[in-house]
Amino acid sequence: MTNNHTHDHDHDHDHNHDHETEQEYITLVDEEGNEELYQILLTFESEEYEKSYVLVHPISTEEQEEEVEIFAFSYTESDGGLEGQLDDIETEEEWDMIEEVLGAFVEEEEE
């Protein structure tokens, strides 16, 4: 998993979390103003850290055979859930927790 060092991303997505039937996407804007479409892989909340998290991967890598790079952010919703603030993961403990959640998610998808 890679830590993305961009900040203050606006994102738009709906909140239908049935990932088997509908895929969700967000557009992230980097510091140079470049927009890239990402697919939302997983969203979850952590009571321990009192934050919500989103795991995404760039759509541009979907067609390639190489390993897909996954980015993780904590997020705060605004504007009725249509937009929000993405923030970088701040601690190693948070990264460890995210990796555990991702590992469990991947195991479920493979079954």
PDB file of N, CA and C in Angstrom:
ATOM      1  N   MET A   1       0.843  -1.176   0.000  1.00  0.00           N
ATOM      2  CA  MET A   1       0.000   0.000   0.000  1.00  0.00           C
ATOM      3  C   MET A   1       0.887   1.238   0.000  1.00  0.00           C
ATOM      4  N   THR A   2       0.454   2.245  -0.693  1.00  0.00           N
ATOM      5  CA  THR A   2       1.264   3.448  -0.847  1.00  0.00           C
ATOM      6  C   THR A   2       0.557   4.621  -0.209  1.00  0.00           C
ATOM      7  N   ASN A   3       1.299   5.438   0.489  1.00  0.00           N
ATOM      8  CA  ASN A   3       0.744   6.650   1.071  1.00  0.00           C
ATOM      9  C   ASN A   3       0.807   7.741   0.019  1.00  0.00           C
ATOM     10  N   ASN A   4      -0.315   8.331  -0.304  1.00  0.00           N
ATOM     11  CA  ASN A   4      -0.368   9.396  -1.292  1.00  0.00           C
ATOM     12  C   ASN A   4      -0.194  10.716  -0.554  1.00  0.00           C
ATOM     13  N   HIS A   5       0.733  11.540  -0.994  1.00  0.00           N
ATOM     14  CA  HIS A   5       1.068  12.758  -0.266  1.00  0.00           C
ATOM     15  C   HIS A   5       0.352  13.989  -0.786  1.00  0.00           C
ATOM     16  N   THR A   6      -0.798  13.842  -1.405  1.00  0.00           N
ATOM     17  CA  THR A   6      -1.552  15.016  -1.831  1.00  0.00           C
ATOM     18  C   THR A   6      -2.620  15.305  -0.789  1.00  0.00           C
ATOM     19  N   HIS A   7      -3.011  16.547  -0.672  1.00  0.00           N
ATOM     20  CA  HIS A   7      -3.949  16.958   0.356  1.00  0.00           C
ATOM     21  C   HIS A   7      -5.132  17.678  -0.267  1.00  0.00           C
ATOM     22  N   ASP A   8      -6.138  17.878   0.544  1.00  0.00           N
ATOM     23  CA  ASP A   8      -7.277  18.722   0.206  1.00  0.00           C
ATOM     24  C   ASP A   8      -7.927  18.313  -1.108  1.00  0.00           C
ATOM     25  N   HIS A   9      -8.327  17.065  -1.209  1.00  0.00           N
ATOM     26  CA  HIS A   9      -8.975  16.576  -2.414  1.00  0.00           C
ATOM     27  C   HIS A   9     -10.488  16.755  -2.296  1.00  0.00           C
ATOM     28  N   ASP A  10     -11.096  17.264  -3.345  1.00  0.00           N
ATOM     29  CA  ASP A  10     -12.546  17.223  -3.429  1.00  0.00           C
ATOM     30  C   ASP A  10     -12.908  15.907  -4.086  1.00  0.00           C
ATOM     31  N   HIS A  11     -13.973  15.287  -3.606  1.00  0.00           N
ATOM     32  CA  HIS A  11     -14.406  14.057  -4.242  1.00  0.00           C
ATOM     33  C   HIS A  11     -15.921  13.996  -4.267  1.00  0.00           C
ATOM     34  N   ASP A  12     -16.421  13.338  -5.307  1.00  0.00           N
ATOM     35  CA  ASP A  12     -17.852  13.162  -5.459  1.00  0.00           C
ATOM     36  C   ASP A  12     -18.121  11.669  -5.551  1.00  0.00           C
ATOM     37  N   HIS A  13     -19.060  11.185  -4.753  1.00  0.00           N
ATOM     38  CA  HIS A  13     -19.485   9.805  -4.880  1.00  0.00           C
ATOM     39  C   HIS A  13     -20.802   9.615  -4.159  1.00  0.00           C
ATOM     40  N   ASP A  14     -21.523   8.560  -4.579  1.00  0.00           N
ATOM     41  CA  ASP A  14     -22.746   8.256  -3.849  1.00  0.00           C
ATOM     42  C   ASP A  14     -22.411   7.235  -2.775  1.00  0.00           C
ATOM     43  N   HIS A  15     -23.381   6.941  -1.957  1.00  0.00           N
ATOM     44  CA  HIS A  15     -23.096   6.074  -0.817  1.00  0.00           C
ATOM     45  C   HIS A  15     -23.854   4.765  -0.863  1.00  0.00           C
ATOM     46  N   ASN A  16     -24.040   4.220  -2.036  1.00  0.00           N
ATOM     47  CA  ASN A  16     -24.560   2.873  -2.147  1.00  0.00           C
ATOM     48  C   ASN A  16     -23.377   1.935  -1.971  1.00  0.00           C
ATOM     49  N   HIS A  17     -23.289   1.267  -0.837  1.00  0.00           N
ATOM     50  CA  HIS A  17     -22.108   0.459  -0.525  1.00  0.00           C
ATOM     51  C   HIS A  17     -22.255  -0.989  -0.952  1.00  0.00           C
ATOM     52  N   ASP A  18     -23.179  -1.285  -1.875  1.00  0.00           N
ATOM     53  CA  ASP A  18     -23.304  -2.626  -2.416  1.00  0.00           C
ATOM     54  C   ASP A  18     -22.304  -2.759  -3.552  1.00  0.00           C
ATOM     55  N   HIS A  19     -21.081  -3.161  -3.232  1.00  0.00           N
ATOM     56  CA  HIS A  19     -19.999  -3.159  -4.204  1.00  0.00           C
ATOM     57  C   HIS A  19     -20.131  -4.252  -5.245  1.00  0.00           C
ATOM     58  N   GLU A  20     -21.022  -5.219  -5.031  1.00  0.00           N
ATOM     59  CA  GLU A  20     -21.161  -6.298  -5.996  1.00  0.00           C
ATOM     60  C   GLU A  20     -21.958  -5.853  -7.213  1.00  0.00           C
ATOM     61  N   THR A  21     -22.852  -4.878  -7.061  1.00  0.00           N
ATOM     62  CA  THR A  21     -23.704  -4.501  -8.166  1.00  0.00           C
ATOM     63  C   THR A  21     -23.385  -3.135  -8.743  1.00  0.00           C
ATOM     64  N   GLU A  22     -22.790  -2.268  -7.982  1.00  0.00           N
ATOM     65  CA  GLU A  22     -22.518  -0.921  -8.471  1.00  0.00           C
ATOM     66  C   GLU A  22     -21.155  -0.467  -7.991  1.00  0.00           C
ATOM     67  N   GLN A  23     -20.372   0.061  -8.920  1.00  0.00           N
ATOM     68  CA  GLN A  23     -19.051   0.539  -8.548  1.00  0.00           C
ATOM     69  C   GLN A  23     -19.105   2.042  -8.340  1.00  0.00           C
ATOM     70  N   GLU A  24     -18.318   2.512  -7.406  1.00  0.00           N
ATOM     71  CA  GLU A  24     -18.281   3.931  -7.081  1.00  0.00           C
ATOM     72  C   GLU A  24     -16.942   4.507  -7.514  1.00  0.00           C
ATOM     73  N   TYR A  25     -16.972   5.771  -7.943  1.00  0.00           N
ATOM     74  CA  TYR A  25     -15.769   6.434  -8.427  1.00  0.00           C
ATOM     75  C   TYR A  25     -15.639   7.807  -7.800  1.00  0.00           C
ATOM     76  N   ILE A  26     -14.403   8.260  -7.672  1.00  0.00           N
ATOM     77  CA  ILE A  26     -14.146   9.632  -7.259  1.00  0.00           C
ATOM     78  C   ILE A  26     -13.071  10.200  -8.174  1.00  0.00           C
ATOM     79  N   THR A  27     -13.076  11.497  -8.311  1.00  0.00           N
ATOM     80  CA  THR A  27     -12.036  12.184  -9.065  1.00  0.00           C
ATOM     81  C   THR A  27     -11.154  12.912  -8.066  1.00  0.00           C
ATOM     82  N   LEU A  28      -9.856  12.646  -8.118  1.00  0.00           N
ATOM     83  CA  LEU A  28      -8.899  13.315  -7.245  1.00  0.00           C
ATOM     84  C   LEU A  28      -8.099  14.311  -8.064  1.00  0.00           C
ATOM     85  N   VAL A  29      -7.821  15.436  -7.469  1.00  0.00           N
ATOM     86  CA  VAL A  29      -7.033  16.482  -8.116  1.00  0.00           C
ATOM     87  C   VAL A  29      -5.721  16.610  -7.365  1.00  0.00           C
ATOM     88  N   ASP A  30      -4.591  16.455  -8.078  1.00  0.00           N
ATOM     89  CA  ASP A  30      -3.292  16.556  -7.407  1.00  0.00           C
ATOM     90  C   ASP A  30      -2.858  18.013  -7.291  1.00  0.00           C
ATOM     91  N   GLU A  31      -1.671  18.202  -6.716  1.00  0.00           N
ATOM     92  CA  GLU A  31      -1.192  19.564  -6.457  1.00  0.00           C
ATOM     93  C   GLU A  31      -0.965  20.380  -7.720  1.00  0.00           C
ATOM     94  N   GLU A  32      -0.762  19.695  -8.868  1.00  0.00           N
ATOM     95  CA  GLU A  32      -0.577  20.410 -10.135  1.00  0.00           C
ATOM     96  C   GLU A  32      -1.904  20.675 -10.849  1.00  0.00           C
ATOM     97  N   GLY A  33      -3.018  20.247 -10.240  1.00  0.00           N
ATOM     98  CA  GLY A  33      -4.324  20.460 -10.857  1.00  0.00           C
ATOM     99  C   GLY A  33      -4.741  19.362 -11.814  1.00  0.00           C
ATOM    100  N   ASN A  34      -3.984  18.259 -11.875  1.00  0.00           N
ATOM    101  CA  ASN A  34      -4.331  17.138 -12.744  1.00  0.00           C
ATOM    102  C   ASN A  34      -5.424  16.305 -12.097  1.00  0.00           C
ATOM    103  N   GLU A  35      -6.444  15.965 -12.871  1.00  0.00           N
ATOM    104  CA  GLU A  35      -7.538  15.139 -12.364  1.00  0.00           C
ATOM    105  C   GLU A  35      -7.339  13.702 -12.812  1.00  0.00           C
ATOM    106  N   GLU A  36      -7.626  12.760 -11.917  1.00  0.00           N
ATOM    107  CA  GLU A  36      -7.570  11.350 -12.276  1.00  0.00           C
ATOM    108  C   GLU A  36      -8.741  10.645 -11.616  1.00  0.00           C
ATOM    109  N   LEU A  37      -9.353   9.736 -12.367  1.00  0.00           N
ATOM    110  CA  LEU A  37     -10.495   8.985 -11.876  1.00  0.00           C
ATOM    111  C   LEU A  37     -10.014   7.759 -11.106  1.00  0.00           C
ATOM    112  N   TYR A  38     -10.568   7.562  -9.923  1.00  0.00           N
ATOM    113  CA  TYR A  38     -10.241   6.420  -9.073  1.00  0.00           C
ATOM    114  C   TYR A  38     -11.508   5.635  -8.774  1.00  0.00           C
ATOM    115  N   GLN A  39     -11.368   4.324  -8.672  1.00  0.00           N
ATOM    116  CA  GLN A  39     -12.471   3.486  -8.231  1.00  0.00           C
ATOM    117  C   GLN A  39     -12.368   3.306  -6.725  1.00  0.00           C
ATOM    118  N   ILE A  40     -13.488   3.419  -6.044  1.00  0.00           N
ATOM    119  CA  ILE A  40     -13.516   3.174  -4.600  1.00  0.00           C
ATOM    120  C   ILE A  40     -13.554   1.673  -4.381  1.00  0.00           C
ATOM    121  N   LEU A  41     -12.537   1.169  -3.734  1.00  0.00           N
ATOM    122  CA  LEU A  41     -12.441  -0.255  -3.447  1.00  0.00           C
ATOM    123  C   LEU A  41     -13.204  -0.602  -2.172  1.00  0.00           C
ATOM    124  N   LEU A  42     -13.072   0.254  -1.163  1.00  0.00           N
ATOM    125  CA  LEU A  42     -13.615  -0.062   0.147  1.00  0.00           C
ATOM    126  C   LEU A  42     -13.742   1.206   0.974  1.00  0.00           C
ATOM    127  N   THR A  43     -14.836   1.328   1.702  1.00  0.00           N
ATOM    128  CA  THR A  43     -14.975   2.391   2.699  1.00  0.00           C
ATOM    129  C   THR A  43     -15.331   1.732   4.028  1.00  0.00           C
ATOM    130  N   PHE A  44     -14.819   2.272   5.116  1.00  0.00           N
ATOM    131  CA  PHE A  44     -15.135   1.733   6.436  1.00  0.00           C
ATOM    132  C   PHE A  44     -14.868   2.792   7.491  1.00  0.00           C
ATOM    133  N   GLU A  45     -15.407   2.554   8.672  1.00  0.00           N
ATOM    134  CA  GLU A  45     -15.196   3.454   9.802  1.00  0.00           C
ATOM    135  C   GLU A  45     -14.425   2.722  10.893  1.00  0.00           C
ATOM    136  N   SER A  46     -13.598   3.459  11.604  1.00  0.00           N
ATOM    137  CA  SER A  46     -12.854   2.894  12.722  1.00  0.00           C
ATOM    138  C   SER A  46     -13.300   3.585  13.999  1.00  0.00           C
ATOM    139  N   GLU A  47     -13.860   2.803  14.917  1.00  0.00           N
ATOM    140  CA  GLU A  47     -14.229   3.371  16.221  1.00  0.00           C
ATOM    141  C   GLU A  47     -12.985   3.730  17.018  1.00  0.00           C
ATOM    142  N   GLU A  48     -11.930   2.913  16.862  1.00  0.00           N
ATOM    143  CA  GLU A  48     -10.696   3.151  17.610  1.00  0.00           C
ATOM    144  C   GLU A  48     -10.098   4.519  17.282  1.00  0.00           C
ATOM    145  N   TYR A  49     -10.087   4.883  15.998  1.00  0.00           N
ATOM    146  CA  TYR A  49      -9.496   6.161  15.584  1.00  0.00           C
ATOM    147  C   TYR A  49     -10.547   7.244  15.354  1.00  0.00           C
ATOM    148  N   GLU A  50     -11.819   6.869  15.477  1.00  0.00           N
ATOM    149  CA  GLU A  50     -12.938   7.797  15.289  1.00  0.00           C
ATOM    150  C   GLU A  50     -12.832   8.530  13.960  1.00  0.00           C
ATOM    151  N   LYS A  51     -12.553   7.747  12.893  1.00  0.00           N
ATOM    152  CA  LYS A  51     -12.424   8.297  11.546  1.00  0.00           C
ATOM    153  C   LYS A  51     -13.091   7.353  10.555  1.00  0.00           C
ATOM    154  N   SER A  52     -13.407   7.906   9.389  1.00  0.00           N
ATOM    155  CA  SER A  52     -13.838   7.109   8.255  1.00  0.00           C
ATOM    156  C   SER A  52     -12.668   7.009   7.289  1.00  0.00           C
ATOM    157  N   TYR A  53     -12.599   5.891   6.571  1.00  0.00           N
ATOM    158  CA  TYR A  53     -11.496   5.653   5.646  1.00  0.00           C
ATOM    159  C   TYR A  53     -12.032   5.225   4.290  1.00  0.00           C
ATOM    160  N   VAL A  54     -11.262   5.536   3.257  1.00  0.00           N
ATOM    161  CA  VAL A  54     -11.591   5.110   1.905  1.00  0.00           C
ATOM    162  C   VAL A  54     -10.320   4.569   1.257  1.00  0.00           C
ATOM    163  N   LEU A  55     -10.436   3.421   0.570  1.00  0.00           N
ATOM    164  CA  LEU A  55      -9.341   2.833  -0.187  1.00  0.00           C
ATOM    165  C   LEU A  55      -9.716   2.899  -1.653  1.00  0.00           C
ATOM    166  N   VAL A  56      -8.821   3.442  -2.463  1.00  0.00           N
ATOM    167  CA  VAL A  56      -9.105   3.647  -3.887  1.00  0.00           C
ATOM    168  C   VAL A  56      -7.930   3.164  -4.734  1.00  0.00           C
ATOM    169  N   HIS A  57      -8.218   2.925  -6.019  1.00  0.00           N
ATOM    170  CA  HIS A  57      -7.132   2.659  -6.962  1.00  0.00           C
ATOM    171  C   HIS A  57      -7.435   3.371  -8.265  1.00  0.00           C
ATOM    172  N   PRO A  58      -6.373   3.803  -8.981  1.00  0.00           N
ATOM    173  CA  PRO A  58      -6.584   4.554 -10.222  1.00  0.00           C
ATOM    174  C   PRO A  58      -7.203   3.675 -11.298  1.00  0.00           C
ATOM    175  N   ILE A  59      -8.178   4.216 -12.006  1.00  0.00           N
ATOM    176  CA  ILE A  59      -8.815   3.495 -13.096  1.00  0.00           C
ATOM    177  C   ILE A  59      -7.813   3.216 -14.208  1.00  0.00           C
ATOM    178  N   SER A  60      -6.857   4.096 -14.400  1.00  0.00           N
ATOM    179  CA  SER A  60      -5.886   3.964 -15.492  1.00  0.00           C
ATOM    180  C   SER A  60      -5.056   2.688 -15.382  1.00  0.00           C
ATOM    181  N   THR A  61      -4.975   2.065 -14.196  1.00  0.00           N
ATOM    182  CA  THR A  61      -4.181   0.836 -14.046  1.00  0.00           C
ATOM    183  C   THR A  61      -5.034  -0.421 -14.174  1.00  0.00           C
ATOM    184  N   GLU A  62      -6.358  -0.282 -14.309  1.00  0.00           N
ATOM    185  CA  GLU A  62      -7.236  -1.455 -14.353  1.00  0.00           C
ATOM    186  C   GLU A  62      -6.928  -2.376 -15.522  1.00  0.00           C
ATOM    187  N   GLU A  63      -6.624  -1.821 -16.679  1.00  0.00           N
ATOM    188  CA  GLU A  63      -6.420  -2.617 -17.879  1.00  0.00           C
ATOM    189  C   GLU A  63      -5.030  -3.231 -17.953  1.00  0.00           C
ATOM    190  N   GLN A  64      -4.134  -2.799 -17.093  1.00  0.00           N
ATOM    191  CA  GLN A  64      -2.762  -3.294 -17.143  1.00  0.00           C
ATOM    192  C   GLN A  64      -2.624  -4.567 -16.330  1.00  0.00           C
ATOM    193  N   GLU A  65      -1.634  -5.376 -16.680  1.00  0.00           N
ATOM    194  CA  GLU A  65      -1.396  -6.643 -15.995  1.00  0.00           C
ATOM    195  C   GLU A  65      -0.638  -6.467 -14.685  1.00  0.00           C
ATOM    196  N   GLU A  66      -0.022  -5.299 -14.482  1.00  0.00           N
ATOM    197  CA  GLU A  66       0.807  -5.091 -13.299  1.00  0.00           C
ATOM    198  C   GLU A  66      -0.047  -4.972 -12.038  1.00  0.00           C
ATOM    199  N   GLU A  67       0.608  -5.054 -10.902  1.00  0.00           N
ATOM    200  CA  GLU A  67      -0.069  -4.944  -9.620  1.00  0.00           C
ATOM    201  C   GLU A  67      -0.720  -3.562  -9.487  1.00  0.00           C
ATOM    202  N   VAL A  68      -1.950  -3.551  -8.992  1.00  0.00           N
ATOM    203  CA  VAL A  68      -2.693  -2.302  -8.848  1.00  0.00           C
ATOM    204  C   VAL A  68      -2.236  -1.597  -7.573  1.00  0.00           C
ATOM    205  N   GLU A  69      -1.970  -0.300  -7.692  1.00  0.00           N
ATOM    206  CA  GLU A  69      -1.564   0.497  -6.539  1.00  0.00           C
ATOM    207  C   GLU A  69      -2.814   0.987  -5.825  1.00  0.00           C
ATOM    208  N   ILE A  70      -2.863   0.765  -4.520  1.00  0.00           N
ATOM    209  CA  ILE A  70      -4.018   1.167  -3.721  1.00  0.00           C
ATOM    210  C   ILE A  70      -3.615   2.321  -2.819  1.00  0.00           C
ATOM    211  N   PHE A  71      -4.471   3.335  -2.783  1.00  0.00           N
ATOM    212  CA  PHE A  71      -4.232   4.506  -1.948  1.00  0.00           C
ATOM    213  C   PHE A  71      -5.272   4.522  -0.839  1.00  0.00           C
ATOM    214  N   ALA A  72      -4.881   4.953   0.337  1.00  0.00           N
ATOM    215  CA  ALA A  72      -5.793   5.023   1.472  1.00  0.00           C
ATOM    216  C   ALA A  72      -5.799   6.439   2.024  1.00  0.00           C
ATOM    217  N   PHE A  73      -6.987   6.892   2.401  1.00  0.00           N
ATOM    218  CA  PHE A  73      -7.163   8.215   2.990  1.00  0.00           C
ATOM    219  C   PHE A  73      -8.169   8.114   4.126  1.00  0.00           C
ATOM    220  N   SER A  74      -8.055   9.012   5.088  1.00  0.00           N
ATOM    221  CA  SER A  74      -9.172   9.230   5.999  1.00  0.00           C
ATOM    222  C   SER A  74     -10.011  10.321   5.345  1.00  0.00           C
ATOM    223  N   TYR A  75     -11.306  10.343   5.647  1.00  0.00           N
ATOM    224  CA  TYR A  75     -12.128  11.369   5.015  1.00  0.00           C
ATOM    225  C   TYR A  75     -13.197  11.894   5.944  1.00  0.00           C
ATOM    226  N   THR A  76     -13.595  13.108   5.652  1.00  0.00           N
ATOM    227  CA  THR A  76     -14.679  13.775   6.356  1.00  0.00           C
ATOM    228  C   THR A  76     -15.666  14.229   5.306  1.00  0.00           C
ATOM    229  N   GLU A  77     -16.921  13.792   5.429  1.00  0.00           N
ATOM    230  CA  GLU A  77     -17.938  14.170   4.458  1.00  0.00           C
ATOM    231  C   GLU A  77     -18.430  15.584   4.706  1.00  0.00           C
ATOM    232  N   SER A  78     -18.851  16.220   3.628  1.00  0.00           N
ATOM    233  CA  SER A  78     -19.497  17.526   3.720  1.00  0.00           C
ATOM    234  C   SER A  78     -20.529  17.618   2.609  1.00  0.00           C
ATOM    235  N   ASP A  79     -21.272  18.677   2.581  1.00  0.00           N
ATOM    236  CA  ASP A  79     -22.258  18.936   1.537  1.00  0.00           C
ATOM    237  C   ASP A  79     -23.210  17.756   1.359  1.00  0.00           C
ATOM    238  N   GLY A  80     -23.724  17.243   2.464  1.00  0.00           N
ATOM    239  CA  GLY A  80     -24.691  16.158   2.394  1.00  0.00           C
ATOM    240  C   GLY A  80     -24.133  14.855   1.870  1.00  0.00           C
ATOM    241  N   GLY A  81     -22.825  14.660   1.985  1.00  0.00           N
ATOM    242  CA  GLY A  81     -22.218  13.413   1.536  1.00  0.00           C
ATOM    243  C   GLY A  81     -21.781  13.423   0.090  1.00  0.00           C
ATOM    244  N   LEU A  82     -21.994  14.524  -0.622  1.00  0.00           N
ATOM    245  CA  LEU A  82     -21.606  14.572  -2.026  1.00  0.00           C
ATOM    246  C   LEU A  82     -20.158  15.000  -2.224  1.00  0.00           C
ATOM    247  N   GLU A  83     -19.596  15.674  -1.252  1.00  0.00           N
ATOM    248  CA  GLU A  83     -18.200  16.085  -1.316  1.00  0.00           C
ATOM    249  C   GLU A  83     -17.573  15.848   0.047  1.00  0.00           C
ATOM    250  N   GLY A  84     -16.267  16.018   0.111  1.00  0.00           N
ATOM    251  CA  GLY A  84     -15.619  15.833   1.392  1.00  0.00           C
ATOM    252  C   GLY A  84     -14.148  16.145   1.329  1.00  0.00           C
ATOM    253  N   GLN A  85     -13.524  15.951   2.475  1.00  0.00           N
ATOM    254  CA  GLN A  85     -12.101  16.245   2.641  1.00  0.00           C
ATOM    255  C   GLN A  85     -11.353  14.932   2.821  1.00  0.00           C
ATOM    256  N   LEU A  86     -10.360  14.674   1.974  1.00  0.00           N
ATOM    257  CA  LEU A  86      -9.495  13.513   2.130  1.00  0.00           C
ATOM    258  C   LEU A  86      -8.199  13.951   2.784  1.00  0.00           C
ATOM    259  N   ASP A  87      -7.728  13.145   3.727  1.00  0.00           N
ATOM    260  CA  ASP A  87      -6.486  13.449   4.427  1.00  0.00           C
ATOM    261  C   ASP A  87      -5.581  12.231   4.397  1.00  0.00           C
ATOM    262  N   ASP A  88      -4.277  12.483   4.419  1.00  0.00           N
ATOM    263  CA  ASP A  88      -3.311  11.401   4.461  1.00  0.00           C
ATOM    264  C   ASP A  88      -3.420  10.644   5.784  1.00  0.00           C
ATOM    265  N   ILE A  89      -3.016   9.375   5.752  1.00  0.00           N
ATOM    266  CA  ILE A  89      -2.960   8.565   6.958  1.00  0.00           C
ATOM    267  C   ILE A  89      -1.772   9.049   7.776  1.00  0.00           C
ATOM    268  N   GLU A  90      -1.993   9.265   9.069  1.00  0.00           N
ATOM    269  CA  GLU A  90      -1.007   9.968   9.888  1.00  0.00           C
ATOM    270  C   GLU A  90      -0.062   9.071  10.672  1.00  0.00           C
ATOM    271  N   THR A  91      -0.479   7.856  11.018  1.00  0.00           N
ATOM    272  CA  THR A  91       0.359   7.051  11.907  1.00  0.00           C
ATOM    273  C   THR A  91       0.563   5.637  11.365  1.00  0.00           C
ATOM    274  N   GLU A  92       1.644   4.991  11.820  1.00  0.00           N
ATOM    275  CA  GLU A  92       1.909   3.596  11.463  1.00  0.00           C
ATOM    276  C   GLU A  92       0.802   2.693  11.991  1.00  0.00           C
ATOM    277  N   GLU A  93       0.250   3.035  13.154  1.00  0.00           N
ATOM    278  CA  GLU A  93      -0.829   2.227  13.732  1.00  0.00           C
ATOM    279  C   GLU A  93      -2.049   2.237  12.822  1.00  0.00           C
ATOM    280  N   GLU A  94      -2.360   3.412  12.253  1.00  0.00           N
ATOM    281  CA  GLU A  94      -3.485   3.488  11.315  1.00  0.00           C
ATOM    282  C   GLU A  94      -3.201   2.645  10.071  1.00  0.00           C
ATOM    283  N   TRP A  95      -1.963   2.715   9.555  1.00  0.00           N
ATOM    284  CA  TRP A  95      -1.603   1.905   8.384  1.00  0.00           C
ATOM    285  C   TRP A  95      -1.765   0.421   8.687  1.00  0.00           C
ATOM    286  N   ASP A  96      -1.323  -0.012   9.863  1.00  0.00           N
ATOM    287  CA  ASP A  96      -1.452  -1.426  10.236  1.00  0.00           C
ATOM    288  C   ASP A  96      -2.919  -1.842  10.259  1.00  0.00           C
ATOM    289  N   MET A  97      -3.773  -1.006  10.842  1.00  0.00           N
ATOM    290  CA  MET A  97      -5.203  -1.297  10.917  1.00  0.00           C
ATOM    291  C   MET A  97      -5.799  -1.364   9.510  1.00  0.00           C
ATOM    292  N   ILE A  98      -5.431  -0.427   8.637  1.00  0.00           N
ATOM    293  CA  ILE A  98      -5.947  -0.406   7.261  1.00  0.00           C
ATOM    294  C   ILE A  98      -5.516  -1.660   6.511  1.00  0.00           C
ATOM    295  N   GLU A  99      -4.261  -2.069   6.686  1.00  0.00           N
ATOM    296  CA  GLU A  99      -3.780  -3.273   6.017  1.00  0.00           C
ATOM    297  C   GLU A  99      -4.531  -4.513   6.485  1.00  0.00           C
ATOM    298  N   GLU A 100      -4.879  -4.570   7.770  1.00  0.00           N
ATOM    299  CA  GLU A 100      -5.670  -5.695   8.276  1.00  0.00           C
ATOM    300  C   GLU A 100      -7.055  -5.716   7.653  1.00  0.00           C
ATOM    301  N   VAL A 101      -7.699  -4.544   7.579  1.00  0.00           N
ATOM    302  CA  VAL A 101      -9.037  -4.461   6.981  1.00  0.00           C
ATOM    303  C   VAL A 101      -8.976  -4.845   5.504  1.00  0.00           C
ATOM    304  N   LEU A 102      -7.970  -4.347   4.792  1.00  0.00           N
ATOM    305  CA  LEU A 102      -7.813  -4.674   3.379  1.00  0.00           C
ATOM    306  C   LEU A 102      -7.577  -6.171   3.196  1.00  0.00           C
ATOM    307  N   GLY A 103      -6.748  -6.764   4.035  1.00  0.00           N
ATOM    308  CA  GLY A 103      -6.488  -8.199   3.948  1.00  0.00           C
ATOM    309  C   GLY A 103      -7.760  -9.017   4.129  1.00  0.00           C
ATOM    310  N   ALA A 104      -8.587  -8.637   5.104  1.00  0.00           N
ATOM    311  CA  ALA A 104      -9.858  -9.332   5.334  1.00  0.00           C
ATOM    312  C   ALA A 104     -10.794  -9.150   4.141  1.00  0.00           C
ATOM    313  N   PHE A 105     -10.806  -7.940   3.553  1.00  0.00           N
ATOM    314  CA  PHE A 105     -11.649  -7.661   2.397  1.00  0.00           C
ATOM    315  C   PHE A 105     -11.239  -8.519   1.201  1.00  0.00           C
ATOM    316  N   VAL A 106      -9.937  -8.621   0.958  1.00  0.00           N
ATOM    317  CA  VAL A 106      -9.427  -9.406  -0.173  1.00  0.00           C
ATOM    318  C   VAL A 106      -9.772 -10.882   0.023  1.00  0.00           C
ATOM    319  N   GLU A 107      -9.636 -11.383   1.245  1.00  0.00           N
ATOM    320  CA  GLU A 107      -9.982 -12.783   1.523  1.00  0.00           C
ATOM    321  C   GLU A 107     -11.443 -13.049   1.229  1.00  0.00           C
ATOM    322  N   GLU A 108     -12.341 -12.124   1.621  1.00  0.00           N
ATOM    323  CA  GLU A 108     -13.768 -12.281   1.347  1.00  0.00           C
ATOM    324  C   GLU A 108     -14.052 -12.280  -0.140  1.00  0.00           C
ATOM    325  N   GLU A 109     -13.390 -11.407  -0.890  1.00  0.00           N
ATOM    326  CA  GLU A 109     -13.599 -11.313  -2.343  1.00  0.00           C
ATOM    327  C   GLU A 109     -13.142 -12.577  -3.054  1.00  0.00           C
ATOM    328  N   GLU A 110     -12.130 -13.253  -2.521  1.00  0.00           N
ATOM    329  CA  GLU A 110     -11.588 -14.445  -3.169  1.00  0.00           C
ATOM    330  C   GLU A 110     -12.429 -15.665  -2.910  1.00  0.00           C
ATOM    331  N   GLU A 111     -13.291 -15.641  -1.899  1.00  0.00           N
ATOM    332  CA  GLU A 111     -14.122 -16.814  -1.565  1.00  0.00           C
ATOM    333  C   GLU A 111     -15.256 -16.987  -2.533  1.00  0.00           C
TER     334      GLU A 111
END
